[in-house]
Amino acid sequence: MIEDKVFERIKCLCDAKQYTMYRLAKESGLPYSSLNNIIHRRTCPTVGTLAKICKGLDITLPEFFDFELYPLKNDGLTEKEDELVNKYRTLSKRKQALLDAYIDGLRQ
């Protein structure tokens, strides 16, 4: 069900960004109790609440739901490579560009 994917996605993105539920609540402007209910009681968030969660994670709503472009797991990658790819995907476009430039500099 899509609800299960939403819960899994929130947890995965928090793990990738090393966010606790408390930090996500602060970053998204949501009460911690609301976020806790969403995750632990599996209460499906409204679109407005999900948009706030995305803002707190510094991603867009389309990026949140794009499981093809941003899968939860990547086949064929080591665990460390998978972790790095997922962390990269959770960065804002600006931070991705900075990381790309940094990596290019390291490769020279």
PDB file of N, CA and C in Angstrom:
ATOM      1  N   MET A   1       0.840  -1.186   0.000  1.00  0.00           N
ATOM      2  CA  MET A   1       0.000   0.000   0.000  1.00  0.00           C
ATOM      3  C   MET A   1       0.883   1.246   0.000  1.00  0.00           C
ATOM      4  N   ILE A   2       0.382   2.294  -0.578  1.00  0.00           N
ATOM      5  CA  ILE A   2       1.147   3.542  -0.681  1.00  0.00           C
ATOM      6  C   ILE A   2       1.450   4.122   0.698  1.00  0.00           C
ATOM      7  N   GLU A   3       0.537   3.927   1.665  1.00  0.00           N
ATOM      8  CA  GLU A   3       0.778   4.450   3.012  1.00  0.00           C
ATOM      9  C   GLU A   3       2.044   3.853   3.611  1.00  0.00           C
ATOM     10  N   ASP A   4       2.240   2.546   3.406  1.00  0.00           N
ATOM     11  CA  ASP A   4       3.442   1.895   3.924  1.00  0.00           C
ATOM     12  C   ASP A   4       4.697   2.493   3.294  1.00  0.00           C
ATOM     13  N   LYS A   5       4.627   2.811   2.010  1.00  0.00           N
ATOM     14  CA  LYS A   5       5.761   3.427   1.319  1.00  0.00           C
ATOM     15  C   LYS A   5       6.044   4.817   1.877  1.00  0.00           C
ATOM     16  N   VAL A   6       4.990   5.551   2.229  1.00  0.00           N
ATOM     17  CA  VAL A   6       5.159   6.891   2.800  1.00  0.00           C
ATOM     18  C   VAL A   6       5.909   6.798   4.124  1.00  0.00           C
ATOM     19  N   PHE A   7       5.484   5.880   4.996  1.00  0.00           N
ATOM     20  CA  PHE A   7       6.150   5.723   6.297  1.00  0.00           C
ATOM     21  C   PHE A   7       7.599   5.289   6.113  1.00  0.00           C
ATOM     22  N   GLU A   8       7.808   4.332   5.215  1.00  0.00           N
ATOM     23  CA  GLU A   8       9.152   3.823   4.952  1.00  0.00           C
ATOM     24  C   GLU A   8      10.029   4.933   4.375  1.00  0.00           C
ATOM     25  N   ARG A   9       9.449   5.734   3.504  1.00  0.00           N
ATOM     26  CA  ARG A   9      10.183   6.823   2.862  1.00  0.00           C
ATOM     27  C   ARG A   9      10.627   7.872   3.890  1.00  0.00           C
ATOM     28  N   ILE A  10       9.726   8.244   4.772  1.00  0.00           N
ATOM     29  CA  ILE A  10      10.075   9.230   5.802  1.00  0.00           C
ATOM     30  C   ILE A  10      11.229   8.705   6.652  1.00  0.00           C
ATOM     31  N   LYS A  11      11.124   7.458   7.085  1.00  0.00           N
ATOM     32  CA  LYS A  11      12.184   6.868   7.910  1.00  0.00           C
ATOM     33  C   LYS A  11      13.502   6.801   7.152  1.00  0.00           C
ATOM     34  N   CYS A  12      13.441   6.378   5.898  1.00  0.00           N
ATOM     35  CA  CYS A  12      14.650   6.248   5.076  1.00  0.00           C
ATOM     36  C   CYS A  12      15.333   7.603   4.878  1.00  0.00           C
ATOM     37  N   LEU A  13      14.555   8.623   4.560  1.00  0.00           N
ATOM     38  CA  LEU A  13      15.122   9.952   4.344  1.00  0.00           C
ATOM     39  C   LEU A  13      15.691  10.533   5.634  1.00  0.00           C
ATOM     40  N   CYS A  14      15.026  10.276   6.747  1.00  0.00           N
ATOM     41  CA  CYS A  14      15.558  10.730   8.043  1.00  0.00           C
ATOM     42  C   CYS A  14      16.873  10.031   8.350  1.00  0.00           C
ATOM     43  N   ASP A  15      16.938   8.742   8.097  1.00  0.00           N
ATOM     44  CA  ASP A  15      18.179   7.996   8.324  1.00  0.00           C
ATOM     45  C   ASP A  15      19.301   8.536   7.445  1.00  0.00           C
ATOM     46  N   ALA A  16      18.990   8.791   6.184  1.00  0.00           N
ATOM     47  CA  ALA A  16      20.007   9.285   5.255  1.00  0.00           C
ATOM     48  C   ALA A  16      20.536  10.653   5.677  1.00  0.00           C
ATOM     49  N   LYS A  17      19.671  11.480   6.220  1.00  0.00           N
ATOM     50  CA  LYS A  17      20.078  12.818   6.658  1.00  0.00           C
ATOM     51  C   LYS A  17      20.527  12.837   8.111  1.00  0.00           C
ATOM     52  N   GLN A  18      20.456  11.676   8.755  1.00  0.00           N
ATOM     53  CA  GLN A  18      20.778  11.537  10.170  1.00  0.00           C
ATOM     54  C   GLN A  18      19.912  12.463  11.024  1.00  0.00           C
ATOM     55  N   TYR A  19      18.623  12.508  10.677  1.00  0.00           N
ATOM     56  CA  TYR A  19      17.638  13.291  11.418  1.00  0.00           C
ATOM     57  C   TYR A  19      16.904  12.383  12.389  1.00  0.00           C
ATOM     58  N   THR A  20      16.725  12.861  13.585  1.00  0.00           N
ATOM     59  CA  THR A  20      15.815  12.197  14.509  1.00  0.00           C
ATOM     60  C   THR A  20      14.416  12.715  14.200  1.00  0.00           C
ATOM     61  N   MET A  21      13.413  12.082  14.741  1.00  0.00           N
ATOM     62  CA  MET A  21      12.042  12.573  14.555  1.00  0.00           C
ATOM     63  C   MET A  21      11.906  13.966  15.166  1.00  0.00           C
ATOM     64  N   TYR A  22      12.609  14.187  16.259  1.00  0.00           N
ATOM     65  CA  TYR A  22      12.562  15.502  16.904  1.00  0.00           C
ATOM     66  C   TYR A  22      13.135  16.576  15.972  1.00  0.00           C
ATOM     67  N   ARG A  23      14.263  16.276  15.345  1.00  0.00           N
ATOM     68  CA  ARG A  23      14.859  17.260  14.435  1.00  0.00           C
ATOM     69  C   ARG A  23      13.966  17.492  13.224  1.00  0.00           C
ATOM     70  N   LEU A  24      13.377  16.421  12.687  1.00  0.00           N
ATOM     71  CA  LEU A  24      12.475  16.591  11.551  1.00  0.00           C
ATOM     72  C   LEU A  24      11.284  17.459  11.946  1.00  0.00           C
ATOM     73  N   ALA A  25      10.776  17.261  13.137  1.00  0.00           N
ATOM     74  CA  ALA A  25       9.663  18.085  13.618  1.00  0.00           C
ATOM     75  C   ALA A  25      10.080  19.560  13.654  1.00  0.00           C
ATOM     76  N   LYS A  26      11.262  19.829  14.164  1.00  0.00           N
ATOM     77  CA  LYS A  26      11.757  21.215  14.235  1.00  0.00           C
ATOM     78  C   LYS A  26      11.971  21.801  12.835  1.00  0.00           C
ATOM     79  N   GLU A  27      12.601  21.036  11.958  1.00  0.00           N
ATOM     80  CA  GLU A  27      12.900  21.520  10.605  1.00  0.00           C
ATOM     81  C   GLU A  27      11.633  21.744   9.779  1.00  0.00           C
ATOM     82  N   SER A  28      10.623  20.923  10.021  1.00  0.00           N
ATOM     83  CA  SER A  28       9.396  21.012   9.221  1.00  0.00           C
ATOM     84  C   SER A  28       8.343  21.915   9.841  1.00  0.00           C
ATOM     85  N   GLY A  29       8.550  22.302  11.097  1.00  0.00           N
ATOM     86  CA  GLY A  29       7.575  23.162  11.769  1.00  0.00           C
ATOM     87  C   GLY A  29       6.339  22.411  12.240  1.00  0.00           C
ATOM     88  N   LEU A  30       6.454  21.100  12.357  1.00  0.00           N
ATOM     89  CA  LEU A  30       5.335  20.283  12.838  1.00  0.00           C
ATOM     90  C   LEU A  30       5.524  19.953  14.313  1.00  0.00           C
ATOM     91  N   PRO A  31       4.433  19.806  15.036  1.00  0.00           N
ATOM     92  CA  PRO A  31       4.575  19.347  16.424  1.00  0.00           C
ATOM     93  C   PRO A  31       5.153  17.929  16.434  1.00  0.00           C
ATOM     94  N   TYR A  32       6.049  17.689  17.379  1.00  0.00           N
ATOM     95  CA  TYR A  32       6.660  16.367  17.487  1.00  0.00           C
ATOM     96  C   TYR A  32       5.597  15.288  17.662  1.00  0.00           C
ATOM     97  N   SER A  33       4.566  15.588  18.429  1.00  0.00           N
ATOM     98  CA  SER A  33       3.514  14.592  18.674  1.00  0.00           C
ATOM     99  C   SER A  33       2.810  14.191  17.376  1.00  0.00           C
ATOM    100  N   SER A  34       2.609  15.137  16.474  1.00  0.00           N
ATOM    101  CA  SER A  34       1.979  14.831  15.183  1.00  0.00           C
ATOM    102  C   SER A  34       2.864  13.913  14.350  1.00  0.00           C
ATOM    103  N   LEU A  35       4.144  14.238  14.304  1.00  0.00           N
ATOM    104  CA  LEU A  35       5.085  13.418  13.550  1.00  0.00           C
ATOM    105  C   LEU A  35       5.202  12.029  14.165  1.00  0.00           C
ATOM    106  N   ASN A  36       5.226  11.963  15.464  1.00  0.00           N
ATOM    107  CA  ASN A  36       5.295  10.683  16.169  1.00  0.00           C
ATOM    108  C   ASN A  36       4.067   9.824  15.852  1.00  0.00           C
ATOM    109  N   ASN A  37       2.893  10.442  15.806  1.00  0.00           N
ATOM    110  CA  ASN A  37       1.673   9.703  15.458  1.00  0.00           C
ATOM    111  C   ASN A  37       1.737   9.169  14.030  1.00  0.00           C
ATOM    112  N   ILE A  38       2.270   9.964  13.133  1.00  0.00           N
ATOM    113  CA  ILE A  38       2.384   9.535  11.742  1.00  0.00           C
ATOM    114  C   ILE A  38       3.260   8.290  11.647  1.00  0.00           C
ATOM    115  N   ILE A  39       4.390   8.307  12.317  1.00  0.00           N
ATOM    116  CA  ILE A  39       5.353   7.212  12.204  1.00  0.00           C
ATOM    117  C   ILE A  39       4.954   5.997  13.039  1.00  0.00           C
ATOM    118  N   HIS A  40       4.628   6.204  14.296  1.00  0.00           N
ATOM    119  CA  HIS A  40       4.409   5.066  15.190  1.00  0.00           C
ATOM    120  C   HIS A  40       2.988   4.526  15.179  1.00  0.00           C
ATOM    121  N   ARG A  41       2.019   5.356  14.933  1.00  0.00           N
ATOM    122  CA  ARG A  41       0.635   4.889  14.860  1.00  0.00           C
ATOM    123  C   ARG A  41       0.185   4.691  13.422  1.00  0.00           C
ATOM    124  N   ARG A  42       1.119   4.996  12.509  1.00  0.00           N
ATOM    125  CA  ARG A  42       0.865   4.831  11.072  1.00  0.00           C
ATOM    126  C   ARG A  42      -0.368   5.605  10.629  1.00  0.00           C
ATOM    127  N   THR A  43      -0.429   6.850  11.087  1.00  0.00           N
ATOM    128  CA  THR A  43      -1.480   7.766  10.666  1.00  0.00           C
ATOM    129  C   THR A  43      -1.026   8.413   9.362  1.00  0.00           C
ATOM    130  N   CYS A  44      -1.782   8.237   8.314  1.00  0.00           N
ATOM    131  CA  CYS A  44      -1.383   8.768   7.015  1.00  0.00           C
ATOM    132  C   CYS A  44      -1.438  10.302   7.032  1.00  0.00           C
ATOM    133  N   PRO A  45      -0.329  10.971   6.684  1.00  0.00           N
ATOM    134  CA  PRO A  45      -0.320  12.435   6.702  1.00  0.00           C
ATOM    135  C   PRO A  45      -1.133  13.029   5.556  1.00  0.00           C
ATOM    136  N   THR A  46      -1.659  14.215   5.792  1.00  0.00           N
ATOM    137  CA  THR A  46      -2.346  14.942   4.727  1.00  0.00           C
ATOM    138  C   THR A  46      -1.284  15.460   3.749  1.00  0.00           C
ATOM    139  N   VAL A  47      -1.722  15.935   2.610  1.00  0.00           N
ATOM    140  CA  VAL A  47      -0.786  16.489   1.626  1.00  0.00           C
ATOM    141  C   VAL A  47      -0.062  17.698   2.219  1.00  0.00           C
ATOM    142  N   GLY A  48      -0.788  18.529   2.949  1.00  0.00           N
ATOM    143  CA  GLY A  48      -0.168  19.703   3.578  1.00  0.00           C
ATOM    144  C   GLY A  48       0.909  19.315   4.578  1.00  0.00           C
ATOM    145  N   THR A  49       0.623  18.304   5.387  1.00  0.00           N
ATOM    146  CA  THR A  49       1.600  17.829   6.364  1.00  0.00           C
ATOM    147  C   THR A  49       2.802  17.213   5.659  1.00  0.00           C
ATOM    148  N   LEU A  50       2.546  16.450   4.623  1.00  0.00           N
ATOM    149  CA  LEU A  50       3.632  15.842   3.871  1.00  0.00           C
ATOM    150  C   LEU A  50       4.498  16.906   3.197  1.00  0.00           C
ATOM    151  N   ALA A  51       3.871  17.970   2.733  1.00  0.00           N
ATOM    152  CA  ALA A  51       4.637  19.077   2.140  1.00  0.00           C
ATOM    153  C   ALA A  51       5.558  19.709   3.186  1.00  0.00           C
ATOM    154  N   LYS A  52       5.088  19.840   4.420  1.00  0.00           N
ATOM    155  CA  LYS A  52       5.927  20.380   5.498  1.00  0.00           C
ATOM    156  C   LYS A  52       7.079  19.429   5.813  1.00  0.00           C
ATOM    157  N   ILE A  53       6.796  18.137   5.807  1.00  0.00           N
ATOM    158  CA  ILE A  53       7.847  17.143   6.047  1.00  0.00           C
ATOM    159  C   ILE A  53       8.904  17.249   4.953  1.00  0.00           C
ATOM    160  N   CYS A  54       8.463  17.384   3.712  1.00  0.00           N
ATOM    161  CA  CYS A  54       9.400  17.533   2.597  1.00  0.00           C
ATOM    162  C   CYS A  54      10.235  18.799   2.743  1.00  0.00           C
ATOM    163  N   LYS A  55       9.610  19.865   3.165  1.00  0.00           N
ATOM    164  CA  LYS A  55      10.344  21.118   3.377  1.00  0.00           C
ATOM    165  C   LYS A  55      11.412  20.910   4.451  1.00  0.00           C
ATOM    166  N   GLY A  56      11.043  20.205   5.522  1.00  0.00           N
ATOM    167  CA  GLY A  56      11.998  19.915   6.587  1.00  0.00           C
ATOM    168  C   GLY A  56      13.145  19.040   6.117  1.00  0.00           C
ATOM    169  N   LEU A  57      12.880  18.170   5.146  1.00  0.00           N
ATOM    170  CA  LEU A  57      13.910  17.292   4.587  1.00  0.00           C
ATOM    171  C   LEU A  57      14.663  17.948   3.430  1.00  0.00           C
ATOM    172  N   ASP A  58      14.242  19.142   3.049  1.00  0.00           N
ATOM    173  CA  ASP A  58      14.851  19.902   1.953  1.00  0.00           C
ATOM    174  C   ASP A  58      14.740  19.162   0.616  1.00  0.00           C
ATOM    175  N   ILE A  59      13.548  18.598   0.387  1.00  0.00           N
ATOM    176  CA  ILE A  59      13.237  17.964  -0.894  1.00  0.00           C
ATOM    177  C   ILE A  59      11.860  18.445  -1.324  1.00  0.00           C
ATOM    178  N   THR A  60      11.525  18.196  -2.581  1.00  0.00           N
ATOM    179  CA  THR A  60      10.204  18.569  -3.069  1.00  0.00           C
ATOM    180  C   THR A  60       9.246  17.397  -2.894  1.00  0.00           C
ATOM    181  N   LEU A  61       7.967  17.691  -2.977  1.00  0.00           N
ATOM    182  CA  LEU A  61       6.952  16.637  -2.894  1.00  0.00           C
ATOM    183  C   LEU A  61       7.100  15.637  -4.047  1.00  0.00           C
ATOM    184  N   PRO A  62       7.333  16.097  -5.295  1.00  0.00           N
ATOM    185  CA  PRO A  62       7.553  15.123  -6.368  1.00  0.00           C
ATOM    186  C   PRO A  62       8.769  14.220  -6.117  1.00  0.00           C
ATOM    187  N   GLU A  63       9.841  14.770  -5.547  1.00  0.00           N
ATOM    188  CA  GLU A  63      11.017  13.956  -5.235  1.00  0.00           C
ATOM    189  C   GLU A  63      10.684  12.901  -4.185  1.00  0.00           C
ATOM    190  N   PHE A  64       9.836  13.262  -3.231  1.00  0.00           N
ATOM    191  CA  PHE A  64       9.440  12.321  -2.187  1.00  0.00           C
ATOM    192  C   PHE A  64       8.775  11.092  -2.787  1.00  0.00           C
ATOM    193  N   PHE A  65       7.909  11.299  -3.794  1.00  0.00           N
ATOM    194  CA  PHE A  65       7.149  10.203  -4.380  1.00  0.00           C
ATOM    195  C   PHE A  65       7.805   9.556  -5.594  1.00  0.00           C
ATOM    196  N   ASP A  66       8.942  10.052  -6.013  1.00  0.00           N
ATOM    197  CA  ASP A  66       9.588   9.497  -7.189  1.00  0.00           C
ATOM    198  C   ASP A  66      10.461   8.304  -6.790  1.00  0.00           C
ATOM    199  N   PHE A  67       9.818   7.167  -6.567  1.00  0.00           N
ATOM    200  CA  PHE A  67      10.523   5.967  -6.136  1.00  0.00           C
ATOM    201  C   PHE A  67      11.382   5.374  -7.251  1.00  0.00           C
ATOM    202  N   GLU A  68      11.059   5.686  -8.499  1.00  0.00           N
ATOM    203  CA  GLU A  68      11.857   5.181  -9.607  1.00  0.00           C
ATOM    204  C   GLU A  68      13.173   5.940  -9.693  1.00  0.00           C
ATOM    205  N   LEU A  69      13.096   7.254  -9.615  1.00  0.00           N
ATOM    206  CA  LEU A  69      14.301   8.072  -9.671  1.00  0.00           C
ATOM    207  C   LEU A  69      15.057   8.015  -8.349  1.00  0.00           C
ATOM    208  N   TYR A  70      14.324   7.956  -7.255  1.00  0.00           N
ATOM    209  CA  TYR A  70      14.913   7.926  -5.923  1.00  0.00           C
ATOM    210  C   TYR A  70      14.455   6.679  -5.177  1.00  0.00           C
ATOM    211  N   PRO A  71      14.963   5.506  -5.570  1.00  0.00           N
ATOM    212  CA  PRO A  71      14.517   4.274  -4.915  1.00  0.00           C
ATOM    213  C   PRO A  71      14.993   4.210  -3.476  1.00  0.00           C
ATOM    214  N   LEU A  72      14.294   3.403  -2.688  1.00  0.00           N
ATOM    215  CA  LEU A  72      14.706   3.225  -1.301  1.00  0.00           C
ATOM    216  C   LEU A  72      15.988   2.399  -1.223  1.00  0.00           C
ATOM    217  N   LYS A  73      16.144   1.452  -2.101  1.00  0.00           N
ATOM    218  CA  LYS A  73      17.343   0.620  -2.157  1.00  0.00           C
ATOM    219  C   LYS A  73      17.816   0.533  -3.603  1.00  0.00           C
ATOM    220  N   ASN A  74      19.111   0.444  -3.794  1.00  0.00           N
ATOM    221  CA  ASN A  74      19.694   0.341  -5.128  1.00  0.00           C
ATOM    222  C   ASN A  74      20.339  -1.027  -5.284  1.00  0.00           C
ATOM    223  N   ASP A  75      19.852  -1.809  -6.231  1.00  0.00           N
ATOM    224  CA  ASP A  75      20.427  -3.123  -6.490  1.00  0.00           C
ATOM    225  C   ASP A  75      21.796  -2.979  -7.131  1.00  0.00           C
ATOM    226  N   GLY A  76      22.681  -3.881  -6.808  1.00  0.00           N
ATOM    227  CA  GLY A  76      23.996  -3.900  -7.429  1.00  0.00           C
ATOM    228  C   GLY A  76      25.018  -3.007  -6.758  1.00  0.00           C
ATOM    229  N   LEU A  77      24.640  -2.292  -5.738  1.00  0.00           N
ATOM    230  CA  LEU A  77      25.570  -1.429  -5.025  1.00  0.00           C
ATOM    231  C   LEU A  77      25.918  -2.045  -3.681  1.00  0.00           C
ATOM    232  N   THR A  78      27.113  -1.753  -3.203  1.00  0.00           N
ATOM    233  CA  THR A  78      27.457  -2.172  -1.859  1.00  0.00           C
ATOM    234  C   THR A  78      26.616  -1.365  -0.876  1.00  0.00           C
ATOM    235  N   GLU A  79      26.608  -1.790   0.356  1.00  0.00           N
ATOM    236  CA  GLU A  79      25.833  -1.073   1.370  1.00  0.00           C
ATOM    237  C   GLU A  79      26.315   0.375   1.507  1.00  0.00           C
ATOM    238  N   LYS A  80      27.625   0.588   1.469  1.00  0.00           N
ATOM    239  CA  LYS A  80      28.191   1.937   1.590  1.00  0.00           C
ATOM    240  C   LYS A  80      27.827   2.790   0.374  1.00  0.00           C
ATOM    241  N   GLU A  81      27.909   2.209  -0.829  1.00  0.00           N
ATOM    242  CA  GLU A  81      27.539   2.941  -2.043  1.00  0.00           C
ATOM    243  C   GLU A  81      26.063   3.325  -2.012  1.00  0.00           C
ATOM    244  N   ASP A  82      25.222   2.392  -1.574  1.00  0.00           N
ATOM    245  CA  ASP A  82      23.790   2.657  -1.459  1.00  0.00           C
ATOM    246  C   ASP A  82      23.536   3.800  -0.481  1.00  0.00           C
ATOM    247  N   GLU A  83      24.249   3.777   0.625  1.00  0.00           N
ATOM    248  CA  GLU A  83      24.106   4.838   1.631  1.00  0.00           C
ATOM    249  C   GLU A  83      24.506   6.194   1.050  1.00  0.00           C
ATOM    250  N   LEU A  84      25.616   6.222   0.313  1.00  0.00           N
ATOM    251  CA  LEU A  84      26.085   7.475  -0.291  1.00  0.00           C
ATOM    252  C   LEU A  84      25.106   8.003  -1.342  1.00  0.00           C
ATOM    253  N   VAL A  85      24.587   7.113  -2.173  1.00  0.00           N
ATOM    254  CA  VAL A  85      23.626   7.521  -3.200  1.00  0.00           C
ATOM    255  C   VAL A  85      22.373   8.101  -2.546  1.00  0.00           C
ATOM    256  N   ASN A  86      21.863   7.428  -1.532  1.00  0.00           N
ATOM    257  CA  ASN A  86      20.662   7.921  -0.860  1.00  0.00           C
ATOM    258  C   ASN A  86      20.907   9.245  -0.148  1.00  0.00           C
ATOM    259  N   LYS A  87      22.090   9.417   0.438  1.00  0.00           N
ATOM    260  CA  LYS A  87      22.417  10.703   1.067  1.00  0.00           C
ATOM    261  C   LYS A  87      22.477  11.806   0.009  1.00  0.00           C
ATOM    262  N   TYR A  88      23.107  11.512  -1.127  1.00  0.00           N
ATOM    263  CA  TYR A  88      23.213  12.485  -2.217  1.00  0.00           C
ATOM    264  C   TYR A  88      21.832  12.922  -2.680  1.00  0.00           C
ATOM    265  N   ARG A  89      20.937  11.972  -2.818  1.00  0.00           N
ATOM    266  CA  ARG A  89      19.597  12.269  -3.318  1.00  0.00           C
ATOM    267  C   ARG A  89      18.773  13.098  -2.345  1.00  0.00           C
ATOM    268  N   THR A  90      19.138  13.098  -1.087  1.00  0.00           N
ATOM    269  CA  THR A  90      18.383  13.890  -0.125  1.00  0.00           C
ATOM    270  C   THR A  90      18.896  15.328  -0.036  1.00  0.00           C
ATOM    271  N   LEU A  91      20.017  15.614  -0.699  1.00  0.00           N
ATOM    272  CA  LEU A  91      20.555  16.972  -0.693  1.00  0.00           C
ATOM    273  C   LEU A  91      19.759  17.873  -1.625  1.00  0.00           C
ATOM    274  N   SER A  92      19.786  19.160  -1.314  1.00  0.00           N
ATOM    275  CA  SER A  92      19.171  20.127  -2.223  1.00  0.00           C
ATOM    276  C   SER A  92      20.003  20.165  -3.506  1.00  0.00           C
ATOM    277  N   LYS A  93      19.437  20.704  -4.568  1.00  0.00           N
ATOM    278  CA  LYS A  93      20.144  20.790  -5.857  1.00  0.00           C
ATOM    279  C   LYS A  93      21.442  21.580  -5.700  1.00  0.00           C
ATOM    280  N   ARG A  94      21.407  22.624  -4.914  1.00  0.00           N
ATOM    281  CA  ARG A  94      22.595  23.455  -4.695  1.00  0.00           C
ATOM    282  C   ARG A  94      23.690  22.645  -4.002  1.00  0.00           C
ATOM    283  N   LYS A  95      23.317  21.896  -2.972  1.00  0.00           N
ATOM    284  CA  LYS A  95      24.295  21.091  -2.250  1.00  0.00           C
ATOM    285  C   LYS A  95      24.809  19.937  -3.115  1.00  0.00           C
ATOM    286  N   GLN A  96      23.964  19.395  -3.986  1.00  0.00           N
ATOM    287  CA  GLN A  96      24.423  18.360  -4.913  1.00  0.00           C
ATOM    288  C   GLN A  96      25.486  18.930  -5.843  1.00  0.00           C
ATOM    289  N   ALA A  97      25.267  20.142  -6.338  1.00  0.00           N
ATOM    290  CA  ALA A  97      26.236  20.784  -7.231  1.00  0.00           C
ATOM    291  C   ALA A  97      27.561  21.023  -6.512  1.00  0.00           C
ATOM    292  N   LEU A  98      27.490  21.454  -5.254  1.00  0.00           N
ATOM    293  CA  LEU A  98      28.707  21.663  -4.473  1.00  0.00           C
ATOM    294  C   LEU A  98      29.455  20.347  -4.260  1.00  0.00           C
ATOM    295  N   LEU A  99      28.718  19.297  -3.952  1.00  0.00           N
ATOM    296  CA  LEU A  99      29.347  17.989  -3.748  1.00  0.00           C
ATOM    297  C   LEU A  99      29.963  17.476  -5.045  1.00  0.00           C
ATOM    298  N   ASP A 100      29.280  17.667  -6.160  1.00  0.00           N
ATOM    299  CA  ASP A 100      29.819  17.268  -7.458  1.00  0.00           C
ATOM    300  C   ASP A 100      31.150  17.970  -7.726  1.00  0.00           C
ATOM    301  N   ALA A 101      31.201  19.276  -7.453  1.00  0.00           N
ATOM    302  CA  ALA A 101      32.425  20.046  -7.672  1.00  0.00           C
ATOM    303  C   ALA A 101      33.538  19.558  -6.740  1.00  0.00           C
ATOM    304  N   TYR A 102      33.190  19.247  -5.509  1.00  0.00           N
ATOM    305  CA  TYR A 102      34.172  18.752  -4.547  1.00  0.00           C
ATOM    306  C   TYR A 102      34.745  17.412  -5.006  1.00  0.00           C
ATOM    307  N   ILE A 103      33.873  16.516  -5.426  1.00  0.00           N
ATOM    308  CA  ILE A 103      34.310  15.200  -5.897  1.00  0.00           C
ATOM    309  C   ILE A 103      35.194  15.335  -7.140  1.00  0.00           C
ATOM    310  N   ASP A 104      34.801  16.225  -8.071  1.00  0.00           N
ATOM    311  CA  ASP A 104      35.631  16.468  -9.264  1.00  0.00           C
ATOM    312  C   ASP A 104      37.009  16.949  -8.857  1.00  0.00           C
ATOM    313  N   GLY A 105      37.085  17.812  -7.847  1.00  0.00           N
ATOM    314  CA  GLY A 105      38.373  18.299  -7.358  1.00  0.00           C
ATOM    315  C   GLY A 105      39.221  17.183  -6.747  1.00  0.00           C
ATOM    316  N   LEU A 106      38.564  16.287  -6.018  1.00  0.00           N
ATOM    317  CA  LEU A 106      39.299  15.163  -5.422  1.00  0.00           C
ATOM    318  C   LEU A 106      39.849  14.208  -6.476  1.00  0.00           C
ATOM    319  N   ARG A 107      39.153  14.078  -7.579  1.00  0.00           N
ATOM    320  CA  ARG A 107      39.546  13.128  -8.627  1.00  0.00           C
ATOM    321  C   ARG A 107      40.732  13.621  -9.448  1.00  0.00           C
ATOM    322  N   GLN A 108      41.071  14.898  -9.367  1.00  0.00           N
ATOM    323  CA  GLN A 108      42.173  15.448 -10.184  1.00  0.00           C
ATOM    324  C   GLN A 108      43.512  15.172  -9.555  1.00  0.00           C
TER     325      GLN A 108
END
